[in-house]
Amino acid sequence: MVTPMKMSNLIVDARLTEPPSEVSVFRDVSMYASVFLDLSVLVQCSRQDADLYWYWLRNRGAFDFVDDIVEPNEESGILLSCLRGNIAVKDLKAETLNFVIHQLIRIAG
């Protein structure tokens, strides 16, 4: 019997950390994924934008639960994106937080 492989990464499209998304909601999602679902949280962006996102998140206290910044298609896992992915949302706001958490539990839990 083949058991499904457990996803071990949450890959977040870096654009979901920019306004109009709320950085605090990104931090909540990354904390939940890391602490309660034991996922490695990866922020996905182009190599040329990696430093920009690193400073953006670090200066806003949102890098605590991020394990790395990766390029698109560099890692596999649960993709949280504004375009397409396992979980697709327009932005990360208080209004979408419950939806994202429930989807993470459904997929990774």
PDB file of N, CA and C in Angstrom:
ATOM      1  N   MET A   1       0.846  -1.184   0.000  1.00  0.00           N
ATOM      2  CA  MET A   1       0.000   0.000   0.000  1.00  0.00           C
ATOM      3  C   MET A   1       0.889   1.244   0.000  1.00  0.00           C
ATOM      4  N   VAL A   2       0.589   2.149  -0.877  1.00  0.00           N
ATOM      5  CA  VAL A   2       1.349   3.386  -0.985  1.00  0.00           C
ATOM      6  C   VAL A   2       0.646   4.463  -0.164  1.00  0.00           C
ATOM      7  N   THR A   3       1.400   5.086   0.724  1.00  0.00           N
ATOM      8  CA  THR A   3       0.826   6.177   1.516  1.00  0.00           C
ATOM      9  C   THR A   3       1.207   7.495   0.875  1.00  0.00           C
ATOM     10  N   PRO A   4       0.321   8.479   0.900  1.00  0.00           N
ATOM     11  CA  PRO A   4       0.654   9.775   0.307  1.00  0.00           C
ATOM     12  C   PRO A   4       1.826  10.422   1.032  1.00  0.00           C
ATOM     13  N   MET A   5       2.678  11.068   0.251  1.00  0.00           N
ATOM     14  CA  MET A   5       3.829  11.742   0.835  1.00  0.00           C
ATOM     15  C   MET A   5       3.372  13.009   1.560  1.00  0.00           C
ATOM     16  N   LYS A   6       3.818  13.181   2.767  1.00  0.00           N
ATOM     17  CA  LYS A   6       3.451  14.362   3.549  1.00  0.00           C
ATOM     18  C   LYS A   6       4.252  15.560   3.053  1.00  0.00           C
ATOM     19  N   MET A   7       3.558  16.633   2.803  1.00  0.00           N
ATOM     20  CA  MET A   7       4.213  17.868   2.391  1.00  0.00           C
ATOM     21  C   MET A   7       4.975  18.425   3.588  1.00  0.00           C
ATOM     22  N   SER A   8       6.182  18.895   3.347  1.00  0.00           N
ATOM     23  CA  SER A   8       6.970  19.411   4.465  1.00  0.00           C
ATOM     24  C   SER A   8       7.299  20.894   4.317  1.00  0.00           C
ATOM     25  N   ASN A   9       6.914  21.501   3.199  1.00  0.00           N
ATOM     26  CA  ASN A   9       7.184  22.922   2.967  1.00  0.00           C
ATOM     27  C   ASN A   9       5.898  23.687   2.702  1.00  0.00           C
ATOM     28  N   LEU A  10       5.831  24.875   3.241  1.00  0.00           N
ATOM     29  CA  LEU A  10       4.822  25.843   2.816  1.00  0.00           C
ATOM     30  C   LEU A  10       5.577  26.897   2.029  1.00  0.00           C
ATOM     31  N   ILE A  11       5.250  27.026   0.756  1.00  0.00           N
ATOM     32  CA  ILE A  11       5.909  27.993  -0.116  1.00  0.00           C
ATOM     33  C   ILE A  11       4.942  29.144  -0.337  1.00  0.00           C
ATOM     34  N   VAL A  12       5.334  30.327   0.125  1.00  0.00           N
ATOM     35  CA  VAL A  12       4.474  31.506   0.048  1.00  0.00           C
ATOM     36  C   VAL A  12       5.004  32.438  -1.037  1.00  0.00           C
ATOM     37  N   ASP A  13       4.141  32.773  -1.985  1.00  0.00           N
ATOM     38  CA  ASP A  13       4.489  33.750  -3.006  1.00  0.00           C
ATOM     39  C   ASP A  13       4.804  35.073  -2.303  1.00  0.00           C
ATOM     40  N   ALA A  14       5.980  35.613  -2.546  1.00  0.00           N
ATOM     41  CA  ALA A  14       6.420  36.829  -1.848  1.00  0.00           C
ATOM     42  C   ALA A  14       5.468  38.000  -2.062  1.00  0.00           C
ATOM     43  N   ARG A  15       4.751  38.020  -3.169  1.00  0.00           N
ATOM     44  CA  ARG A  15       3.815  39.126  -3.412  1.00  0.00           C
ATOM     45  C   ARG A  15       2.719  39.187  -2.358  1.00  0.00           C
ATOM     46  N   LEU A  16       2.481  38.064  -1.675  1.00  0.00           N
ATOM     47  CA  LEU A  16       1.467  38.054  -0.612  1.00  0.00           C
ATOM     48  C   LEU A  16       1.953  38.729   0.666  1.00  0.00           C
ATOM     49  N   THR A  17       3.189  39.186   0.691  1.00  0.00           N
ATOM     50  CA  THR A  17       3.684  39.935   1.851  1.00  0.00           C
ATOM     51  C   THR A  17       3.599  41.439   1.617  1.00  0.00           C
ATOM     52  N   GLU A  18       3.285  41.842   0.408  1.00  0.00           N
ATOM     53  CA  GLU A  18       3.212  43.262   0.048  1.00  0.00           C
ATOM     54  C   GLU A  18       1.806  43.796   0.293  1.00  0.00           C
ATOM     55  N   PRO A  19       1.687  45.114   0.516  1.00  0.00           N
ATOM     56  CA  PRO A  19       0.351  45.706   0.569  1.00  0.00           C
ATOM     57  C   PRO A  19      -0.378  45.449  -0.753  1.00  0.00           C
ATOM     58  N   PRO A  20      -1.668  45.186  -0.720  1.00  0.00           N
ATOM     59  CA  PRO A  20      -2.618  45.374   0.380  1.00  0.00           C
ATOM     60  C   PRO A  20      -2.651  44.240   1.394  1.00  0.00           C
ATOM     61  N   SER A  21      -1.816  43.203   1.227  1.00  0.00           N
ATOM     62  CA  SER A  21      -1.754  42.161   2.255  1.00  0.00           C
ATOM     63  C   SER A  21      -1.234  42.764   3.558  1.00  0.00           C
ATOM     64  N   GLU A  22      -1.627  42.134   4.651  1.00  0.00           N
ATOM     65  CA  GLU A  22      -1.198  42.588   5.970  1.00  0.00           C
ATOM     66  C   GLU A  22      -0.036  41.721   6.441  1.00  0.00           C
ATOM     67  N   VAL A  23       1.080  42.352   6.745  1.00  0.00           N
ATOM     68  CA  VAL A  23       2.269  41.618   7.163  1.00  0.00           C
ATOM     69  C   VAL A  23       1.977  40.792   8.411  1.00  0.00           C
ATOM     70  N   SER A  24       1.153  41.299   9.298  1.00  0.00           N
ATOM     71  CA  SER A  24       0.834  40.553  10.525  1.00  0.00           C
ATOM     72  C   SER A  24       0.101  39.247  10.205  1.00  0.00           C
ATOM     73  N   VAL A  25      -0.721  39.241   9.179  1.00  0.00           N
ATOM     74  CA  VAL A  25      -1.424  38.013   8.791  1.00  0.00           C
ATOM     75  C   VAL A  25      -0.431  37.029   8.174  1.00  0.00           C
ATOM     76  N   PHE A  26       0.518  37.527   7.379  1.00  0.00           N
ATOM     77  CA  PHE A  26       1.568  36.652   6.864  1.00  0.00           C
ATOM     78  C   PHE A  26       2.318  36.006   8.028  1.00  0.00           C
ATOM     79  N   ARG A  27       2.641  36.797   9.047  1.00  0.00           N
ATOM     80  CA  ARG A  27       3.351  36.251  10.207  1.00  0.00           C
ATOM     81  C   ARG A  27       2.508  35.210  10.924  1.00  0.00           C
ATOM     82  N   ASP A  28       1.207  35.450  11.057  1.00  0.00           N
ATOM     83  CA  ASP A  28       0.320  34.477  11.695  1.00  0.00           C
ATOM     84  C   ASP A  28       0.286  33.165  10.917  1.00  0.00           C
ATOM     85  N   VAL A  29       0.186  33.248   9.605  1.00  0.00           N
ATOM     86  CA  VAL A  29       0.154  32.049   8.768  1.00  0.00           C
ATOM     87  C   VAL A  29       1.474  31.293   8.871  1.00  0.00           C
ATOM     88  N   SER A  30       2.577  32.022   8.789  1.00  0.00           N
ATOM     89  CA  SER A  30       3.882  31.353   8.857  1.00  0.00           C
ATOM     90  C   SER A  30       4.110  30.733  10.237  1.00  0.00           C
ATOM     91  N   MET A  31       3.663  31.402  11.302  1.00  0.00           N
ATOM     92  CA  MET A  31       3.791  30.835  12.645  1.00  0.00           C
ATOM     93  C   MET A  31       2.951  29.571  12.784  1.00  0.00           C
ATOM     94  N   TYR A  32       1.728  29.609  12.322  1.00  0.00           N
ATOM     95  CA  TYR A  32       0.845  28.444  12.437  1.00  0.00           C
ATOM     96  C   TYR A  32       1.430  27.263  11.671  1.00  0.00           C
ATOM     97  N   ALA A  33       1.881  27.524  10.448  1.00  0.00           N
ATOM     98  CA  ALA A  33       2.439  26.449   9.628  1.00  0.00           C
ATOM     99  C   ALA A  33       3.682  25.856  10.276  1.00  0.00           C
ATOM    100  N   SER A  34       4.525  26.690  10.821  1.00  0.00           N
ATOM    101  CA  SER A  34       5.777  26.235  11.418  1.00  0.00           C
ATOM    102  C   SER A  34       5.550  25.512  12.744  1.00  0.00           C
ATOM    103  N   VAL A  35       4.781  26.112  13.632  1.00  0.00           N
ATOM    104  CA  VAL A  35       4.632  25.589  14.992  1.00  0.00           C
ATOM    105  C   VAL A  35       3.646  24.429  15.065  1.00  0.00           C
ATOM    106  N   PHE A  36       2.481  24.572  14.457  1.00  0.00           N
ATOM    107  CA  PHE A  36       1.424  23.576  14.622  1.00  0.00           C
ATOM    108  C   PHE A  36       1.413  22.503  13.538  1.00  0.00           C
ATOM    109  N   LEU A  37       1.905  22.828  12.341  1.00  0.00           N
ATOM    110  CA  LEU A  37       1.886  21.842  11.257  1.00  0.00           C
ATOM    111  C   LEU A  37       3.282  21.325  10.916  1.00  0.00           C
ATOM    112  N   ASP A  38       4.287  21.825  11.600  1.00  0.00           N
ATOM    113  CA  ASP A  38       5.670  21.394  11.404  1.00  0.00           C
ATOM    114  C   ASP A  38       6.114  21.512   9.942  1.00  0.00           C
ATOM    115  N   LEU A  39       5.758  22.623   9.321  1.00  0.00           N
ATOM    116  CA  LEU A  39       6.159  22.889   7.944  1.00  0.00           C
ATOM    117  C   LEU A  39       7.317  23.878   7.931  1.00  0.00           C
ATOM    118  N   SER A  40       8.194  23.721   6.967  1.00  0.00           N
ATOM    119  CA  SER A  40       9.223  24.731   6.719  1.00  0.00           C
ATOM    120  C   SER A  40       8.586  25.810   5.862  1.00  0.00           C
ATOM    121  N   VAL A  41       8.700  27.046   6.276  1.00  0.00           N
ATOM    122  CA  VAL A  41       8.084  28.152   5.553  1.00  0.00           C
ATOM    123  C   VAL A  41       9.131  28.779   4.636  1.00  0.00           C
ATOM    124  N   LEU A  42       8.820  28.785   3.356  1.00  0.00           N
ATOM    125  CA  LEU A  42       9.713  29.333   2.346  1.00  0.00           C
ATOM    126  C   LEU A  42       9.004  30.463   1.619  1.00  0.00           C
ATOM    127  N   VAL A  43       9.688  31.558   1.409  1.00  0.00           N
ATOM    128  CA  VAL A  43       9.147  32.676   0.641  1.00  0.00           C
ATOM    129  C   VAL A  43       9.725  32.558  -0.765  1.00  0.00           C
ATOM    130  N   GLN A  44       8.858  32.602  -1.751  1.00  0.00           N
ATOM    131  CA  GLN A  44       9.272  32.406  -3.137  1.00  0.00           C
ATOM    132  C   GLN A  44       9.284  33.716  -3.903  1.00  0.00           C
ATOM    133  N   CYS A  45      10.442  34.039  -4.483  1.00  0.00           N
ATOM    134  CA  CYS A  45      10.570  35.229  -5.321  1.00  0.00           C
ATOM    135  C   CYS A  45      11.769  35.046  -6.242  1.00  0.00           C
ATOM    136  N   SER A  46      11.922  35.963  -7.171  1.00  0.00           N
ATOM    137  CA  SER A  46      13.073  35.895  -8.063  1.00  0.00           C
ATOM    138  C   SER A  46      14.341  36.217  -7.276  1.00  0.00           C
ATOM    139  N   ARG A  47      15.441  35.738  -7.772  1.00  0.00           N
ATOM    140  CA  ARG A  47      16.724  35.945  -7.089  1.00  0.00           C
ATOM    141  C   ARG A  47      17.011  37.434  -6.906  1.00  0.00           C
ATOM    142  N   GLN A  48      16.682  38.246  -7.907  1.00  0.00           N
ATOM    143  CA  GLN A  48      16.990  39.682  -7.830  1.00  0.00           C
ATOM    144  C   GLN A  48      16.163  40.402  -6.767  1.00  0.00           C
ATOM    145  N   ASP A  49      15.033  39.818  -6.353  1.00  0.00           N
ATOM    146  CA  ASP A  49      14.184  40.454  -5.340  1.00  0.00           C
ATOM    147  C   ASP A  49      14.388  39.886  -3.931  1.00  0.00           C
ATOM    148  N   ALA A  50      15.216  38.874  -3.783  1.00  0.00           N
ATOM    149  CA  ALA A  50      15.359  38.191  -2.491  1.00  0.00           C
ATOM    150  C   ALA A  50      15.786  39.134  -1.373  1.00  0.00           C
ATOM    151  N   ASP A  51      16.776  39.992  -1.621  1.00  0.00           N
ATOM    152  CA  ASP A  51      17.233  40.921  -0.576  1.00  0.00           C
ATOM    153  C   ASP A  51      16.137  41.902  -0.186  1.00  0.00           C
ATOM    154  N   LEU A  52      15.395  42.377  -1.156  1.00  0.00           N
ATOM    155  CA  LEU A  52      14.300  43.311  -0.906  1.00  0.00           C
ATOM    156  C   LEU A  52      13.268  42.686   0.033  1.00  0.00           C
ATOM    157  N   TYR A  53      12.854  41.467  -0.255  1.00  0.00           N
ATOM    158  CA  TYR A  53      11.861  40.805   0.595  1.00  0.00           C
ATOM    159  C   TYR A  53      12.443  40.451   1.963  1.00  0.00           C
ATOM    160  N   TRP A  54      13.715  40.080   2.012  1.00  0.00           N
ATOM    161  CA  TRP A  54      14.334  39.762   3.291  1.00  0.00           C
ATOM    162  C   TRP A  54      14.294  40.994   4.214  1.00  0.00           C
ATOM    163  N   TYR A  55      14.723  42.154   3.698  1.00  0.00           N
ATOM    164  CA  TYR A  55      14.690  43.388   4.497  1.00  0.00           C
ATOM    165  C   TYR A  55      13.261  43.781   4.852  1.00  0.00           C
ATOM    166  N   TRP A  56      12.358  43.681   3.890  1.00  0.00           N
ATOM    167  CA  TRP A  56      10.950  44.028   4.113  1.00  0.00           C
ATOM    168  C   TRP A  56      10.381  43.219   5.270  1.00  0.00           C
ATOM    169  N   LEU A  57      10.541  41.912   5.247  1.00  0.00           N
ATOM    170  CA  LEU A  57       9.972  41.048   6.276  1.00  0.00           C
ATOM    171  C   LEU A  57      10.713  41.186   7.605  1.00  0.00           C
ATOM    172  N   ARG A  58      12.013  41.251   7.574  1.00  0.00           N
ATOM    173  CA  ARG A  58      12.787  41.362   8.805  1.00  0.00           C
ATOM    174  C   ARG A  58      12.476  42.662   9.537  1.00  0.00           C
ATOM    175  N   ASN A  59      12.389  43.762   8.805  1.00  0.00           N
ATOM    176  CA  ASN A  59      12.124  45.060   9.435  1.00  0.00           C
ATOM    177  C   ASN A  59      10.715  45.174   9.990  1.00  0.00           C
ATOM    178  N   ARG A  60       9.822  44.300   9.591  1.00  0.00           N
ATOM    179  CA  ARG A  60       8.445  44.314  10.088  1.00  0.00           C
ATOM    180  C   ARG A  60       8.178  43.172  11.067  1.00  0.00           C
ATOM    181  N   GLY A  61       9.226  42.478  11.481  1.00  0.00           N
ATOM    182  CA  GLY A  61       9.072  41.397  12.455  1.00  0.00           C
ATOM    183  C   GLY A  61       8.363  40.182  11.916  1.00  0.00           C
ATOM    184  N   ALA A  62       8.424  39.962  10.615  1.00  0.00           N
ATOM    185  CA  ALA A  62       7.677  38.873  10.010  1.00  0.00           C
ATOM    186  C   ALA A  62       8.573  37.746   9.493  1.00  0.00           C
ATOM    187  N   PHE A  63       9.859  37.784   9.806  1.00  0.00           N
ATOM    188  CA  PHE A  63      10.781  36.765   9.302  1.00  0.00           C
ATOM    189  C   PHE A  63      11.052  35.673  10.340  1.00  0.00           C
ATOM    190  N   ASP A  64      10.413  35.759  11.510  1.00  0.00           N
ATOM    191  CA  ASP A  64      10.685  34.830  12.610  1.00  0.00           C
ATOM    192  C   ASP A  64      10.487  33.367  12.241  1.00  0.00           C
ATOM    193  N   PHE A  65       9.467  33.067  11.460  1.00  0.00           N
ATOM    194  CA  PHE A  65       9.129  31.683  11.159  1.00  0.00           C
ATOM    195  C   PHE A  65       9.446  31.311   9.714  1.00  0.00           C
ATOM    196  N   VAL A  66      10.155  32.161   8.999  1.00  0.00           N
ATOM    197  CA  VAL A  66      10.555  31.885   7.625  1.00  0.00           C
ATOM    198  C   VAL A  66      11.906  31.180   7.654  1.00  0.00           C
ATOM    199  N   ASP A  67      11.983  30.054   6.956  1.00  0.00           N
ATOM    200  CA  ASP A  67      13.223  29.286   6.934  1.00  0.00           C
ATOM    201  C   ASP A  67      14.173  29.712   5.826  1.00  0.00           C
ATOM    202  N   ASP A  68      13.611  30.167   4.699  1.00  0.00           N
ATOM    203  CA  ASP A  68      14.482  30.528   3.579  1.00  0.00           C
ATOM    204  C   ASP A  68      13.680  31.291   2.535  1.00  0.00           C
ATOM    205  N   ILE A  69      14.415  31.932   1.647  1.00  0.00           N
ATOM    206  CA  ILE A  69      13.834  32.567   0.466  1.00  0.00           C
ATOM    207  C   ILE A  69      14.329  31.762  -0.725  1.00  0.00           C
ATOM    208  N   VAL A  70      13.398  31.307  -1.555  1.00  0.00           N
ATOM    209  CA  VAL A  70      13.739  30.430  -2.673  1.00  0.00           C
ATOM    210  C   VAL A  70      13.223  31.002  -3.989  1.00  0.00           C
ATOM    211  N   GLU A  71      13.804  30.522  -5.071  1.00  0.00           N
ATOM    212  CA  GLU A  71      13.342  30.902  -6.399  1.00  0.00           C
ATOM    213  C   GLU A  71      12.175  30.007  -6.811  1.00  0.00           C
ATOM    214  N   PRO A  72      11.356  30.467  -7.753  1.00  0.00           N
ATOM    215  CA  PRO A  72      10.243  29.638  -8.234  1.00  0.00           C
ATOM    216  C   PRO A  72      10.736  28.272  -8.730  1.00  0.00           C
ATOM    217  N   ASN A  73       9.993  27.241  -8.394  1.00  0.00           N
ATOM    218  CA  ASN A  73      10.257  25.854  -8.794  1.00  0.00           C
ATOM    219  C   ASN A  73      11.541  25.275  -8.204  1.00  0.00           C
ATOM    220  N   GLU A  74      12.110  25.933  -7.225  1.00  0.00           N
ATOM    221  CA  GLU A  74      13.317  25.411  -6.577  1.00  0.00           C
ATOM    222  C   GLU A  74      12.977  24.340  -5.551  1.00  0.00           C
ATOM    223  N   GLU A  75      11.838  24.480  -4.883  1.00  0.00           N
ATOM    224  CA  GLU A  75      11.403  23.536  -3.857  1.00  0.00           C
ATOM    225  C   GLU A  75       9.974  23.097  -4.149  1.00  0.00           C
ATOM    226  N   SER A  76       9.599  21.964  -3.584  1.00  0.00           N
ATOM    227  CA  SER A  76       8.219  21.500  -3.714  1.00  0.00           C
ATOM    228  C   SER A  76       7.535  21.616  -2.354  1.00  0.00           C
ATOM    229  N   GLY A  77       6.223  21.672  -2.392  1.00  0.00           N
ATOM    230  CA  GLY A  77       5.459  21.780  -1.161  1.00  0.00           C
ATOM    231  C   GLY A  77       4.098  22.382  -1.423  1.00  0.00           C
ATOM    232  N   ILE A  78       3.473  22.848  -0.373  1.00  0.00           N
ATOM    233  CA  ILE A  78       2.160  23.487  -0.464  1.00  0.00           C
ATOM    234  C   ILE A  78       2.396  24.924  -0.923  1.00  0.00           C
ATOM    235  N   LEU A  79       1.812  25.283  -2.047  1.00  0.00           N
ATOM    236  CA  LEU A  79       2.015  26.624  -2.595  1.00  0.00           C
ATOM    237  C   LEU A  79       0.850  27.528  -2.214  1.00  0.00           C
ATOM    238  N   LEU A  80       1.171  28.616  -1.518  1.00  0.00           N
ATOM    239  CA  LEU A  80       0.208  29.663  -1.183  1.00  0.00           C
ATOM    240  C   LEU A  80       0.535  30.841  -2.084  1.00  0.00           C
ATOM    241  N   SER A  81      -0.376  31.127  -3.008  1.00  0.00           N
ATOM    242  CA  SER A  81      -0.074  32.111  -4.043  1.00  0.00           C
ATOM    243  C   SER A  81      -1.278  32.984  -4.338  1.00  0.00           C
ATOM    244  N   CYS A  82      -1.008  34.120  -4.966  1.00  0.00           N
ATOM    245  CA  CYS A  82      -2.099  35.005  -5.365  1.00  0.00           C
ATOM    246  C   CYS A  82      -2.606  34.650  -6.765  1.00  0.00           C
ATOM    247  N   LEU A  83      -1.914  33.821  -7.490  1.00  0.00           N
ATOM    248  CA  LEU A  83      -2.340  33.448  -8.839  1.00  0.00           C
ATOM    249  C   LEU A  83      -2.912  32.039  -8.887  1.00  0.00           C
ATOM    250  N   ARG A  84      -2.072  31.077  -8.599  1.00  0.00           N
ATOM    251  CA  ARG A  84      -2.520  29.684  -8.586  1.00  0.00           C
ATOM    252  C   ARG A  84      -1.618  28.909  -7.633  1.00  0.00           C
ATOM    253  N   GLY A  85      -2.159  27.864  -7.112  1.00  0.00           N
ATOM    254  CA  GLY A  85      -1.402  27.051  -6.174  1.00  0.00           C
ATOM    255  C   GLY A  85      -2.361  26.165  -5.418  1.00  0.00           C
ATOM    256  N   ASN A  86      -1.836  25.465  -4.415  1.00  0.00           N
ATOM    257  CA  ASN A  86      -2.706  24.643  -3.581  1.00  0.00           C
ATOM    258  C   ASN A  86      -3.708  25.514  -2.831  1.00  0.00           C
ATOM    259  N   ILE A  87      -3.262  26.703  -2.446  1.00  0.00           N
ATOM    260  CA  ILE A  87      -4.130  27.686  -1.793  1.00  0.00           C
ATOM    261  C   ILE A  87      -3.938  29.004  -2.537  1.00  0.00           C
ATOM    262  N   ALA A  88      -5.003  29.512  -3.115  1.00  0.00           N
ATOM    263  CA  ALA A  88      -4.921  30.764  -3.874  1.00  0.00           C
ATOM    264  C   ALA A  88      -5.807  31.817  -3.215  1.00  0.00           C
ATOM    265  N   VAL A  89      -5.199  32.928  -2.865  1.00  0.00           N
ATOM    266  CA  VAL A  89      -5.926  34.061  -2.293  1.00  0.00           C
ATOM    267  C   VAL A  89      -5.420  35.334  -2.958  1.00  0.00           C
ATOM    268  N   LYS A  90      -6.288  36.325  -3.030  1.00  0.00           N
ATOM    269  CA  LYS A  90      -5.903  37.600  -3.634  1.00  0.00           C
ATOM    270  C   LYS A  90      -4.861  38.313  -2.777  1.00  0.00           C
ATOM    271  N   ASP A  91      -5.071  38.257  -1.465  1.00  0.00           N
ATOM    272  CA  ASP A  91      -4.134  38.863  -0.524  1.00  0.00           C
ATOM    273  C   ASP A  91      -4.319  38.224   0.847  1.00  0.00           C
ATOM    274  N   LEU A  92      -3.360  38.452   1.719  1.00  0.00           N
ATOM    275  CA  LEU A  92      -3.444  37.943   3.081  1.00  0.00           C
ATOM    276  C   LEU A  92      -3.927  39.067   3.984  1.00  0.00           C
ATOM    277  N   LYS A  93      -5.165  38.962   4.379  1.00  0.00           N
ATOM    278  CA  LYS A  93      -5.785  39.932   5.279  1.00  0.00           C
ATOM    279  C   LYS A  93      -6.520  39.173   6.364  1.00  0.00           C
ATOM    280  N   ALA A  94      -6.963  39.887   7.362  1.00  0.00           N
ATOM    281  CA  ALA A  94      -7.715  39.257   8.451  1.00  0.00           C
ATOM    282  C   ALA A  94      -8.910  38.474   7.911  1.00  0.00           C
ATOM    283  N   GLU A  95      -9.507  38.970   6.834  1.00  0.00           N
ATOM    284  CA  GLU A  95     -10.679  38.324   6.251  1.00  0.00           C
ATOM    285  C   GLU A  95     -10.352  36.980   5.599  1.00  0.00           C
ATOM    286  N   THR A  96      -9.113  36.764   5.185  1.00  0.00           N
ATOM    287  CA  THR A  96      -8.749  35.506   4.519  1.00  0.00           C
ATOM    288  C   THR A  96      -7.965  34.561   5.432  1.00  0.00           C
ATOM    289  N   LEU A  97      -7.630  35.003   6.640  1.00  0.00           N
ATOM    290  CA  LEU A  97      -6.799  34.206   7.535  1.00  0.00           C
ATOM    291  C   LEU A  97      -7.423  32.851   7.846  1.00  0.00           C
ATOM    292  N   ASN A  98      -8.690  32.805   8.254  1.00  0.00           N
ATOM    293  CA  ASN A  98      -9.328  31.530   8.587  1.00  0.00           C
ATOM    294  C   ASN A  98      -9.360  30.583   7.402  1.00  0.00           C
ATOM    295  N   PHE A  99      -9.645  31.105   6.219  1.00  0.00           N
ATOM    296  CA  PHE A  99      -9.663  30.266   5.020  1.00  0.00           C
ATOM    297  C   PHE A  99      -8.293  29.623   4.793  1.00  0.00           C
ATOM    298  N   VAL A 100      -7.247  30.423   4.874  1.00  0.00           N
ATOM    299  CA  VAL A 100      -5.889  29.914   4.635  1.00  0.00           C
ATOM    300  C   VAL A 100      -5.515  28.865   5.676  1.00  0.00           C
ATOM    301  N   ILE A 101      -5.777  29.136   6.940  1.00  0.00           N
ATOM    302  CA  ILE A 101      -5.447  28.182   8.009  1.00  0.00           C
ATOM    303  C   ILE A 101      -6.207  26.873   7.810  1.00  0.00           C
ATOM    304  N   HIS A 102      -7.491  26.939   7.505  1.00  0.00           N
ATOM    305  CA  HIS A 102      -8.286  25.724   7.297  1.00  0.00           C
ATOM    306  C   HIS A 102      -7.772  24.925   6.094  1.00  0.00           C
ATOM    307  N   GLN A 103      -7.372  25.622   5.044  1.00  0.00           N
ATOM    308  CA  GLN A 103      -6.814  24.927   3.881  1.00  0.00           C
ATOM    309  C   GLN A 103      -5.495  24.256   4.232  1.00  0.00           C
ATOM    310  N   LEU A 104      -4.660  24.930   5.005  1.00  0.00           N
ATOM    311  CA  LEU A 104      -3.395  24.339   5.436  1.00  0.00           C
ATOM    312  C   LEU A 104      -3.647  23.073   6.268  1.00  0.00           C
ATOM    313  N   ILE A 105      -4.599  23.136   7.172  1.00  0.00           N
ATOM    314  CA  ILE A 105      -4.917  21.972   8.000  1.00  0.00           C
ATOM    315  C   ILE A 105      -5.421  20.834   7.121  1.00  0.00           C
ATOM    316  N   ARG A 106      -6.275  21.165   6.160  1.00  0.00           N
ATOM    317  CA  ARG A 106      -6.827  20.147   5.260  1.00  0.00           C
ATOM    318  C   ARG A 106      -5.722  19.469   4.451  1.00  0.00           C
ATOM    319  N   ILE A 107      -4.770  20.225   3.971  1.00  0.00           N
ATOM    320  CA  ILE A 107      -3.733  19.682   3.098  1.00  0.00           C
ATOM    321  C   ILE A 107      -2.596  19.033   3.900  1.00  0.00           C
ATOM    322  N   ALA A 108      -2.128  19.696   4.941  1.00  0.00           N
ATOM    323  CA  ALA A 108      -0.939  19.236   5.661  1.00  0.00           C
ATOM    324  C   ALA A 108      -1.244  18.484   6.947  1.00  0.00           C
ATOM    325  N   GLY A 109      -2.418  18.722   7.488  1.00  0.00           N
ATOM    326  CA  GLY A 109      -2.734  18.156   8.803  1.00  0.00           C
ATOM    327  C   GLY A 109      -3.087  16.746   8.737  1.00  0.00           C
TER     328      GLY A 109
END
